[in-house]
Structure formats: C-alpha cells, structure tokens
Amino acid sequence: SNVLLYAFRKLGWVRFTDDVALIPRDCMDARTGFPTAKMFRRVAPLSAAYMVYMLLSMASVRGVSLPMYTTLRRTTAAFTMGAEYVLAGTTQSVPVYRAVGLMVLGAFVAGAHDLEFS
C-alpha cells in the first residue's frame, strides 16, 4: 500500500499535508534528518496503544464468528468520529458522515444473519 500511495503522490492524484513543520526541531537530528531518541519517547505511547489494539483484535476473533467480528470492526470509524467530537470537538463534512453511515449500515446488513454473536 505504501508503494501505491507513493505512486499516486508522484502522479499528483493525492496530496499529503506538510506534517514535517509540526515536528519540533529537537526531535529531528539536523545533520542526518533522522528522528532522535526524544521523538521515539514521544511516539512510544501511540505505538504501544496500537500494539494493544492489534492484540485485542486478534484475541476477539476467538470470541465471535468472523462475520460478526467484521461487522463490529466496521463500526470503528463511527466510534472514532464520535470520540473525536467528544474529545477534540472536531466535526466532519456531511459527505463523510454519509459515507461512514453507509459503511456501518452495509456492515450490519452483511452480518445480520449472525445476530446471536455465536
């Protein structure tokens, strides 16, 4: 997927914001351009949270059927949008809300035959 994103960027089909300006100068080595130990310490909690998320995702597959797991996992975008609104006060555009709603509705339609969570 990284190669595909790189190709799309080179073709001008996608653009990324210049997030480098948001990185504090003391977190990047000016000589090499690589992140410093301070940057790794700042990013470590996020990495740890993602690892816990992955481990819990793998463990949850044992608890429910695959269709129900997929259905529940597709609701992640809606919960993330809700958490962003509550914690940061950010809102999305109407087309984004419609797309997420359609995705959640489709997931529930696809998993409707397994409503007993078995």
Foldseek 3Di string as FASTA:
>chain_A
DVVVVVVCVVVVNDDDDPCVVVDDPQQADPVPRHGDVVVCVVCVVVVVVVVVVVVVLVVCCVQFPPLVSQLVVLLVVVVVQVCCCVPVVDHDDPVVVVVSVVSNVVSCVSSVVRVVRD
